[in-house]
């Protein structure tokens, strides 16, 4: 009976953590829905600016990255719940447990936000190249099917499955990355490492937002569900190959019929 009494607070703590994460994600979804009419914030196509337009370009970058971070909170933060729950349980005797969990979340979101920075400046380079080449401008439509093919091919790569295995083994991941020394820095590092593996298995699917339309709530929900199942459901790994085939077929059909 005492064992059950000792487990009860842990169960309540895990439930409270899950509720908090889901409420945060729900708030992010609500914000994205409210901003849906202004989806240019996320779907901004940056172009080459002169030095005189540096301020405008900087504001565009800030808006894009802020929107990307919000999208990450909505779509990806809930998929990190298994790792957060395990970490919450392991640190149950610490008085600063809430702070440590918050640092893990901060590290995780930091990596996804940095990926958003890379995406933005990658887009800047592509836009600059397109503006410098008539041929690239003419075939700009090919970016969408190319992203579909890229995402489809990535579904079959060893890197995809290595990162996916790390994400799907929360207990071993936390034990491997948490020794309790330099606790705050290590908690942030644990979240960042988890973010790296999460980006590693999901980056290609996230780039599909530029195919279906960044700011499209329905497609965001579908992609978030697919990535969540892949990462956290027992049969999720079996989804990867059929999804890859579907993406390859879609990309090929886009090229043929566009």
C-alpha atoms as a PDB file:
ATOM      1  CA  UNK A   1       0.000   0.000   0.000  1.00  0.00           C
ATOM      2  CA  UNK A   2       2.854   2.406   0.804  1.00  0.00           C
ATOM      3  CA  UNK A   3       4.323   1.691  -2.598  1.00  0.00           C
ATOM      4  CA  UNK A   4       1.082   2.776  -4.238  1.00  0.00           C
ATOM      5  CA  UNK A   5       1.030   5.920  -2.084  1.00  0.00           C
ATOM      6  CA  UNK A   6       4.585   6.766  -3.196  1.00  0.00           C
ATOM      7  CA  UNK A   7       3.689   6.225  -6.852  1.00  0.00           C
ATOM      8  CA  UNK A   8       0.606   8.445  -6.684  1.00  0.00           C
ATOM      9  CA  UNK A   9       2.487  11.784  -6.461  1.00  0.00           C
ATOM     10  CA  UNK A  10       4.714  10.703  -9.369  1.00  0.00           C
ATOM     11  CA  UNK A  11       1.683   9.874 -11.500  1.00  0.00           C
ATOM     12  CA  UNK A  12       0.100  13.206 -10.609  1.00  0.00           C
ATOM     13  CA  UNK A  13       3.343  14.995 -11.463  1.00  0.00           C
ATOM     14  CA  UNK A  14       3.569  13.309 -14.855  1.00  0.00           C
ATOM     15  CA  UNK A  15      -0.062  14.119 -15.557  1.00  0.00           C
ATOM     16  CA  UNK A  16       0.460  17.760 -14.579  1.00  0.00           C
ATOM     17  CA  UNK A  17       3.523  17.956 -16.851  1.00  0.00           C
ATOM     18  CA  UNK A  18       1.610  16.455 -19.777  1.00  0.00           C
ATOM     19  CA  UNK A  19      -1.281  18.856 -19.223  1.00  0.00           C
ATOM     20  CA  UNK A  20       1.097  21.843 -19.113  1.00  0.00           C
ATOM     21  CA  UNK A  21       2.857  20.825 -22.336  1.00  0.00           C
ATOM     22  CA  UNK A  22      -0.431  20.208 -24.122  1.00  0.00           C
ATOM     23  CA  UNK A  23      -1.819  23.547 -22.931  1.00  0.00           C
ATOM     24  CA  UNK A  24       1.296  25.337 -24.183  1.00  0.00           C
ATOM     25  CA  UNK A  25       0.992  23.560 -27.529  1.00  0.00           C
ATOM     26  CA  UNK A  26      -2.739  24.361 -27.671  1.00  0.00           C
ATOM     27  CA  UNK A  27      -1.936  28.026 -27.058  1.00  0.00           C
ATOM     28  CA  UNK A  28       0.561  27.930 -29.928  1.00  0.00           C
ATOM     29  CA  UNK A  29      -2.026  26.293 -32.217  1.00  0.00           C
ATOM     30  CA  UNK A  30      -4.534  28.981 -31.263  1.00  0.00           C
ATOM     31  CA  UNK A  31      -2.017  31.711 -32.031  1.00  0.00           C
ATOM     32  CA  UNK A  32      -1.240  30.125 -35.407  1.00  0.00           C
ATOM     33  CA  UNK A  33      -4.927  29.897 -36.194  1.00  0.00           C
ATOM     34  CA  UNK A  34      -5.423  33.561 -35.318  1.00  0.00           C
ATOM     35  CA  UNK A  35      -2.436  34.452 -37.501  1.00  0.00           C
ATOM     36  CA  UNK A  36      -3.645  32.258 -40.364  1.00  0.00           C
ATOM     37  CA  UNK A  37      -4.888  35.278 -42.257  1.00  0.00           C
ATOM     38  CA  UNK A  38      -1.400  36.756 -41.990  1.00  0.00           C
ATOM     39  CA  UNK A  39       0.520  33.615 -42.982  1.00  0.00           C
ATOM     40  CA  UNK A  40       2.973  35.763 -44.948  1.00  0.00           C
ATOM     41  CA  UNK A  41       4.848  36.053 -41.662  1.00  0.00           C
ATOM     42  CA  UNK A  42       5.877  32.429 -42.067  1.00  0.00           C
ATOM     43  CA  UNK A  43       5.620  32.136 -45.822  1.00  0.00           C
ATOM     44  CA  UNK A  44       7.682  35.209 -46.520  1.00  0.00           C
ATOM     45  CA  UNK A  45       9.915  34.767 -49.567  1.00  0.00           C
ATOM     46  CA  UNK A  46      13.001  36.799 -48.741  1.00  0.00           C
ATOM     47  CA  UNK A  47      14.799  38.415 -51.599  1.00  0.00           C
ATOM     48  CA  UNK A  48      18.191  40.006 -52.043  1.00  0.00           C
ATOM     49  CA  UNK A  49      18.252  43.394 -50.304  1.00  0.00           C
ATOM     50  CA  UNK A  50      20.703  46.205 -50.600  1.00  0.00           C
ATOM     51  CA  UNK A  51      22.416  47.658 -47.566  1.00  0.00           C
ATOM     52  CA  UNK A  52      19.727  50.354 -47.451  1.00  0.00           C
ATOM     53  CA  UNK A  53      17.105  47.657 -46.875  1.00  0.00           C
ATOM     54  CA  UNK A  54      19.006  45.860 -44.120  1.00  0.00           C
ATOM     55  CA  UNK A  55      16.473  46.910 -41.503  1.00  0.00           C
ATOM     56  CA  UNK A  56      13.563  45.527 -43.534  1.00  0.00           C
ATOM     57  CA  UNK A  57      15.459  42.308 -44.185  1.00  0.00           C
ATOM     58  CA  UNK A  58      16.295  41.958 -40.502  1.00  0.00           C
ATOM     59  CA  UNK A  59      12.653  42.443 -39.537  1.00  0.00           C
ATOM     60  CA  UNK A  60      11.605  39.806 -42.094  1.00  0.00           C
ATOM     61  CA  UNK A  61      14.122  37.360 -40.627  1.00  0.00           C
ATOM     62  CA  UNK A  62      12.917  38.071 -37.093  1.00  0.00           C
ATOM     63  CA  UNK A  63       9.264  37.576 -38.059  1.00  0.00           C
ATOM     64  CA  UNK A  64      10.004  34.353 -39.904  1.00  0.00           C
ATOM     65  CA  UNK A  65      12.064  32.855 -37.072  1.00  0.00           C
ATOM     66  CA  UNK A  66       9.475  33.920 -34.485  1.00  0.00           C
ATOM     67  CA  UNK A  67       6.754  32.289 -36.549  1.00  0.00           C
ATOM     68  CA  UNK A  68       8.882  29.178 -37.019  1.00  0.00           C
ATOM     69  CA  UNK A  69       9.469  28.955 -33.265  1.00  0.00           C
ATOM     70  CA  UNK A  70       5.725  29.225 -32.655  1.00  0.00           C
ATOM     71  CA  UNK A  71       5.114  26.481 -35.223  1.00  0.00           C
ATOM     72  CA  UNK A  72       7.718  24.326 -33.500  1.00  0.00           C
ATOM     73  CA  UNK A  73       6.002  24.721 -30.132  1.00  0.00           C
ATOM     74  CA  UNK A  74       2.689  23.691 -31.680  1.00  0.00           C
ATOM     75  CA  UNK A  75       3.902  20.790 -33.810  1.00  0.00           C
ATOM     76  CA  UNK A  76       7.018  19.380 -32.173  1.00  0.00           C
ATOM     77  CA  UNK A  77       6.929  20.152 -28.439  1.00  0.00           C
ATOM     78  CA  UNK A  78       4.188  17.557 -27.722  1.00  0.00           C
ATOM     79  CA  UNK A  79       6.309  14.871 -29.428  1.00  0.00           C
ATOM     80  CA  UNK A  80       9.019  15.434 -26.796  1.00  0.00           C
ATOM     81  CA  UNK A  81       6.693  14.434 -23.939  1.00  0.00           C
ATOM     82  CA  UNK A  82       8.179  10.921 -23.453  1.00  0.00           C
ATOM     83  CA  UNK A  83      11.661  12.374 -22.837  1.00  0.00           C
ATOM     84  CA  UNK A  84      10.286  15.134 -20.615  1.00  0.00           C
ATOM     85  CA  UNK A  85       8.248  12.631 -18.604  1.00  0.00           C
ATOM     86  CA  UNK A  86      11.250  10.354 -18.042  1.00  0.00           C
ATOM     87  CA  UNK A  87      13.425  13.316 -17.042  1.00  0.00           C
ATOM     88  CA  UNK A  88      10.692  14.591 -14.721  1.00  0.00           C
ATOM     89  CA  UNK A  89      10.573  11.183 -13.006  1.00  0.00           C
ATOM     90  CA  UNK A  90      14.353  10.806 -12.678  1.00  0.00           C
ATOM     91  CA  UNK A  91      14.674  14.248 -11.075  1.00  0.00           C
ATOM     92  CA  UNK A  92      11.663  13.786  -8.790  1.00  0.00           C
ATOM     93  CA  UNK A  93      13.690  14.267  -5.576  1.00  0.00           C
ATOM     94  CA  UNK A  94      15.181  17.580  -6.644  1.00  0.00           C
ATOM     95  CA  UNK A  95      13.725  20.830  -5.392  1.00  0.00           C
ATOM     96  CA  UNK A  96      14.585  22.564  -8.685  1.00  0.00           C
ATOM     97  CA  UNK A  97      12.959  19.892 -10.846  1.00  0.00           C
ATOM     98  CA  UNK A  98      10.575  22.349 -12.529  1.00  0.00           C
ATOM     99  CA  UNK A  99      13.461  24.619 -13.508  1.00  0.00           C
ATOM    100  CA  UNK A 100      15.435  21.678 -14.890  1.00  0.00           C
ATOM    101  CA  UNK A 101      12.471  20.508 -16.974  1.00  0.00           C
ATOM    102  CA  UNK A 102      12.033  24.060 -18.267  1.00  0.00           C
ATOM    103  CA  UNK A 103      15.717  24.087 -19.280  1.00  0.00           C
ATOM    104  CA  UNK A 104      15.288  20.813 -21.149  1.00  0.00           C
ATOM    105  CA  UNK A 105      12.361  22.366 -23.043  1.00  0.00           C
ATOM    106  CA  UNK A 106      14.410  25.512 -23.712  1.00  0.00           C
ATOM    107  CA  UNK A 107      17.277  23.471 -25.139  1.00  0.00           C
ATOM    108  CA  UNK A 108      14.908  21.491 -27.342  1.00  0.00           C
ATOM    109  CA  UNK A 109      13.187  24.604 -28.718  1.00  0.00           C
ATOM    110  CA  UNK A 110      16.521  26.387 -29.171  1.00  0.00           C
ATOM    111  CA  UNK A 111      17.723  23.742 -31.629  1.00  0.00           C
ATOM    112  CA  UNK A 112      14.484  23.848 -33.610  1.00  0.00           C
ATOM    113  CA  UNK A 113      14.643  27.652 -33.694  1.00  0.00           C
ATOM    114  CA  UNK A 114      18.229  27.536 -34.990  1.00  0.00           C
ATOM    115  CA  UNK A 115      17.034  25.169 -37.686  1.00  0.00           C
ATOM    116  CA  UNK A 116      14.457  27.825 -38.584  1.00  0.00           C
ATOM    117  CA  UNK A 117      17.302  30.358 -38.924  1.00  0.00           C
ATOM    118  CA  UNK A 118      19.089  27.980 -41.317  1.00  0.00           C
ATOM    119  CA  UNK A 119      15.863  27.513 -43.310  1.00  0.00           C
ATOM    120  CA  UNK A 120      15.369  31.265 -43.581  1.00  0.00           C
ATOM    121  CA  UNK A 121      18.860  32.020 -44.841  1.00  0.00           C
ATOM    122  CA  UNK A 122      18.757  28.995 -47.128  1.00  0.00           C
ATOM    123  CA  UNK A 123      15.641  30.549 -48.639  1.00  0.00           C
ATOM    124  CA  UNK A 124      17.456  33.878 -48.952  1.00  0.00           C
ATOM    125  CA  UNK A 125      20.228  32.201 -50.941  1.00  0.00           C
ATOM    126  CA  UNK A 126      17.746  30.399 -53.193  1.00  0.00           C
ATOM    127  CA  UNK A 127      15.865  33.638 -53.864  1.00  0.00           C
ATOM    128  CA  UNK A 128      19.109  35.423 -54.650  1.00  0.00           C
ATOM    129  CA  UNK A 129      20.186  32.675 -57.055  1.00  0.00           C
ATOM    130  CA  UNK A 130      16.756  32.724 -58.721  1.00  0.00           C
ATOM    131  CA  UNK A 131      16.910  36.496 -59.185  1.00  0.00           C
ATOM    132  CA  UNK A 132      20.350  36.106 -60.788  1.00  0.00           C
ATOM    133  CA  UNK A 133      19.357  33.399 -63.248  1.00  0.00           C
ATOM    134  CA  UNK A 134      16.524  33.474 -65.792  1.00  0.00           C
ATOM    135  CA  UNK A 135      16.669  29.660 -66.005  1.00  0.00           C
ATOM    136  CA  UNK A 136      16.204  29.253 -62.247  1.00  0.00           C
ATOM    137  CA  UNK A 137      13.335  31.747 -62.288  1.00  0.00           C
ATOM    138  CA  UNK A 138      11.639  29.815 -65.077  1.00  0.00           C
ATOM    139  CA  UNK A 139      11.910  26.530 -63.197  1.00  0.00           C
ATOM    140  CA  UNK A 140      11.107  27.853 -59.709  1.00  0.00           C
ATOM    141  CA  UNK A 141       7.991  25.644 -59.762  1.00  0.00           C
ATOM    142  CA  UNK A 142      10.289  22.596 -59.489  1.00  0.00           C
ATOM    143  CA  UNK A 143      11.179  23.437 -55.860  1.00  0.00           C
ATOM    144  CA  UNK A 144       7.940  21.903 -54.534  1.00  0.00           C
ATOM    145  CA  UNK A 145       8.279  18.481 -56.217  1.00  0.00           C
ATOM    146  CA  UNK A 146      11.996  18.464 -55.402  1.00  0.00           C
ATOM    147  CA  UNK A 147      11.160  18.885 -51.712  1.00  0.00           C
ATOM    148  CA  UNK A 148       8.644  16.037 -51.957  1.00  0.00           C
ATOM    149  CA  UNK A 149      11.266  13.780 -53.545  1.00  0.00           C
ATOM    150  CA  UNK A 150      13.881  14.834 -50.984  1.00  0.00           C
ATOM    151  CA  UNK A 151      11.538  14.072 -48.091  1.00  0.00           C
ATOM    152  CA  UNK A 152      10.583  10.751 -49.662  1.00  0.00           C
ATOM    153  CA  UNK A 153      14.189   9.675 -50.198  1.00  0.00           C
ATOM    154  CA  UNK A 154      15.172  10.726 -46.688  1.00  0.00           C
ATOM    155  CA  UNK A 155      12.554   8.329 -45.276  1.00  0.00           C
ATOM    156  CA  UNK A 156      14.799   5.437 -46.383  1.00  0.00           C
ATOM    157  CA  UNK A 157      18.160   6.727 -45.130  1.00  0.00           C
ATOM    158  CA  UNK A 158      20.087   5.219 -42.171  1.00  0.00           C
ATOM    159  CA  UNK A 159      20.312   8.700 -40.612  1.00  0.00           C
ATOM    160  CA  UNK A 160      16.520   8.892 -40.449  1.00  0.00           C
ATOM    161  CA  UNK A 161      16.272   5.589 -38.573  1.00  0.00           C
ATOM    162  CA  UNK A 162      19.228   6.301 -36.280  1.00  0.00           C
ATOM    163  CA  UNK A 163      17.689   9.596 -35.162  1.00  0.00           C
ATOM    164  CA  UNK A 164      14.249   8.007 -34.931  1.00  0.00           C
ATOM    165  CA  UNK A 165      15.586   5.231 -32.680  1.00  0.00           C
ATOM    166  CA  UNK A 166      17.112   7.832 -30.353  1.00  0.00           C
ATOM    167  CA  UNK A 167      13.811   9.689 -30.148  1.00  0.00           C
ATOM    168  CA  UNK A 168      11.888   6.462 -29.507  1.00  0.00           C
ATOM    169  CA  UNK A 169      14.091   5.386 -26.583  1.00  0.00           C
ATOM    170  CA  UNK A 170      13.448   8.135 -24.015  1.00  0.00           C
ATOM    171  CA  UNK A 171      14.666   6.222 -20.944  1.00  0.00           C
ATOM    172  CA  UNK A 172      18.014   5.210 -22.431  1.00  0.00           C
ATOM    173  CA  UNK A 173      18.407   8.680 -23.948  1.00  0.00           C
ATOM    174  CA  UNK A 174      17.915  10.473 -20.623  1.00  0.00           C
ATOM    175  CA  UNK A 175      20.167   8.035 -18.729  1.00  0.00           C
ATOM    176  CA  UNK A 176      22.862   8.514 -21.361  1.00  0.00           C
ATOM    177  CA  UNK A 177      22.704  12.318 -21.255  1.00  0.00           C
ATOM    178  CA  UNK A 178      21.967  13.051 -17.591  1.00  0.00           C
ATOM    179  CA  UNK A 179      24.527  12.571 -14.826  1.00  0.00           C
ATOM    180  CA  UNK A 180      23.243  15.283 -12.490  1.00  0.00           C
ATOM    181  CA  UNK A 181      26.497  17.266 -12.542  1.00  0.00           C
ATOM    182  CA  UNK A 182      26.457  20.913 -13.633  1.00  0.00           C
ATOM    183  CA  UNK A 183      22.741  20.235 -13.532  1.00  0.00           C
ATOM    184  CA  UNK A 184      21.303  23.335 -15.176  1.00  0.00           C
ATOM    185  CA  UNK A 185      23.759  23.408 -18.039  1.00  0.00           C
ATOM    186  CA  UNK A 186      23.379  19.672 -18.482  1.00  0.00           C
ATOM    187  CA  UNK A 187      19.572  19.898 -18.511  1.00  0.00           C
ATOM    188  CA  UNK A 188      19.736  22.481 -21.303  1.00  0.00           C
ATOM    189  CA  UNK A 189      22.259  20.302 -23.135  1.00  0.00           C
ATOM    190  CA  UNK A 190      20.009  17.256 -22.781  1.00  0.00           C
ATOM    191  CA  UNK A 191      17.132  19.164 -24.373  1.00  0.00           C
ATOM    192  CA  UNK A 192      19.409  20.448 -27.131  1.00  0.00           C
ATOM    193  CA  UNK A 193      20.731  16.951 -27.860  1.00  0.00           C
ATOM    194  CA  UNK A 194      17.180  15.656 -28.023  1.00  0.00           C
ATOM    195  CA  UNK A 195      16.358  18.524 -30.365  1.00  0.00           C
ATOM    196  CA  UNK A 196      19.272  17.591 -32.635  1.00  0.00           C
ATOM    197  CA  UNK A 197      18.024  14.024 -33.025  1.00  0.00           C
ATOM    198  CA  UNK A 198      14.451  15.272 -33.451  1.00  0.00           C
ATOM    199  CA  UNK A 199      15.516  17.660 -36.199  1.00  0.00           C
ATOM    200  CA  UNK A 200      17.564  14.815 -37.642  1.00  0.00           C
ATOM    201  CA  UNK A 201      14.522  12.598 -38.136  1.00  0.00           C
ATOM    202  CA  UNK A 202      11.919  15.265 -38.946  1.00  0.00           C
ATOM    203  CA  UNK A 203      13.649  18.089 -40.855  1.00  0.00           C
ATOM    204  CA  UNK A 204      12.625  16.902 -44.322  1.00  0.00           C
ATOM    205  CA  UNK A 205       8.982  16.523 -43.299  1.00  0.00           C
ATOM    206  CA  UNK A 206       9.022  19.988 -41.741  1.00  0.00           C
ATOM    207  CA  UNK A 207      10.268  21.463 -45.033  1.00  0.00           C
ATOM    208  CA  UNK A 208       7.101  20.134 -46.664  1.00  0.00           C
ATOM    209  CA  UNK A 209       5.384  23.121 -45.044  1.00  0.00           C
ATOM    210  CA  UNK A 210       6.769  25.089 -48.010  1.00  0.00           C
ATOM    211  CA  UNK A 211       4.988  22.696 -50.374  1.00  0.00           C
ATOM    212  CA  UNK A 212       1.563  22.592 -48.711  1.00  0.00           C
ATOM    213  CA  UNK A 213       1.668  26.220 -47.591  1.00  0.00           C
ATOM    214  CA  UNK A 214       3.191  27.519 -44.389  1.00  0.00           C
ATOM    215  CA  UNK A 215       0.344  28.719 -42.233  1.00  0.00           C
ATOM    216  CA  UNK A 216      -2.054  26.002 -43.413  1.00  0.00           C
ATOM    217  CA  UNK A 217      -3.425  24.757 -40.093  1.00  0.00           C
ATOM    218  CA  UNK A 218      -4.884  21.553 -41.551  1.00  0.00           C
ATOM    219  CA  UNK A 219      -1.615  20.449 -43.155  1.00  0.00           C
ATOM    220  CA  UNK A 220       0.333  21.443 -40.055  1.00  0.00           C
ATOM    221  CA  UNK A 221      -1.947  19.216 -37.980  1.00  0.00           C
ATOM    222  CA  UNK A 222      -1.505  16.323 -40.408  1.00  0.00           C
ATOM    223  CA  UNK A 223       2.289  16.639 -40.475  1.00  0.00           C
ATOM    224  CA  UNK A 224       2.438  17.006 -36.677  1.00  0.00           C
ATOM    225  CA  UNK A 225       0.348  13.858 -36.286  1.00  0.00           C
ATOM    226  CA  UNK A 226       2.546  11.912 -38.720  1.00  0.00           C
ATOM    227  CA  UNK A 227       5.760  12.979 -36.974  1.00  0.00           C
ATOM    228  CA  UNK A 228       4.289  12.279 -33.547  1.00  0.00           C
ATOM    229  CA  UNK A 229       3.243   8.762 -34.574  1.00  0.00           C
ATOM    230  CA  UNK A 230       6.613   8.066 -36.177  1.00  0.00           C
ATOM    231  CA  UNK A 231       8.479   9.134 -33.041  1.00  0.00           C
ATOM    232  CA  UNK A 232       6.350   7.855 -30.206  1.00  0.00           C
ATOM    233  CA  UNK A 233       3.899   5.127 -31.218  1.00  0.00           C
ATOM    234  CA  UNK A 234       5.030   1.499 -31.005  1.00  0.00           C
ATOM    235  CA  UNK A 235       4.188   0.829 -34.663  1.00  0.00           C
ATOM    236  CA  UNK A 236       5.337   4.263 -35.833  1.00  0.00           C
ATOM    237  CA  UNK A 237       8.514   2.999 -37.452  1.00  0.00           C
ATOM    238  CA  UNK A 238       6.432   0.949 -39.881  1.00  0.00           C
ATOM    239  CA  UNK A 239       4.896   4.180 -41.134  1.00  0.00           C
ATOM    240  CA  UNK A 240       8.199   5.552 -42.446  1.00  0.00           C
ATOM    241  CA  UNK A 241       8.588   3.425 -45.584  1.00  0.00           C
ATOM    242  CA  UNK A 242       4.970   3.748 -46.866  1.00  0.00           C
ATOM    243  CA  UNK A 243       5.152   7.475 -46.203  1.00  0.00           C
ATOM    244  CA  UNK A 244       8.404   7.654 -48.163  1.00  0.00           C
ATOM    245  CA  UNK A 245       6.817   5.844 -51.111  1.00  0.00           C
ATOM    246  CA  UNK A 246       3.803   8.175 -51.031  1.00  0.00           C
ATOM    247  CA  UNK A 247       6.074  11.239 -51.027  1.00  0.00           C
ATOM    248  CA  UNK A 248       8.186   9.908 -53.916  1.00  0.00           C
ATOM    249  CA  UNK A 249       5.070   9.143 -55.976  1.00  0.00           C
ATOM    250  CA  UNK A 250       3.649  12.604 -55.204  1.00  0.00           C
ATOM    251  CA  UNK A 251       6.899  14.319 -56.183  1.00  0.00           C
ATOM    252  CA  UNK A 252       7.165  12.351 -59.431  1.00  0.00           C
ATOM    253  CA  UNK A 253       3.522  13.060 -60.292  1.00  0.00           C
ATOM    254  CA  UNK A 254       4.066  16.753 -59.590  1.00  0.00           C
ATOM    255  CA  UNK A 255       6.957  16.819 -62.081  1.00  0.00           C
ATOM    256  CA  UNK A 256       4.938  14.981 -64.725  1.00  0.00           C
ATOM    257  CA  UNK A 257       1.643  16.861 -64.461  1.00  0.00           C
ATOM    258  CA  UNK A 258       2.779  20.337 -63.351  1.00  0.00           C
END
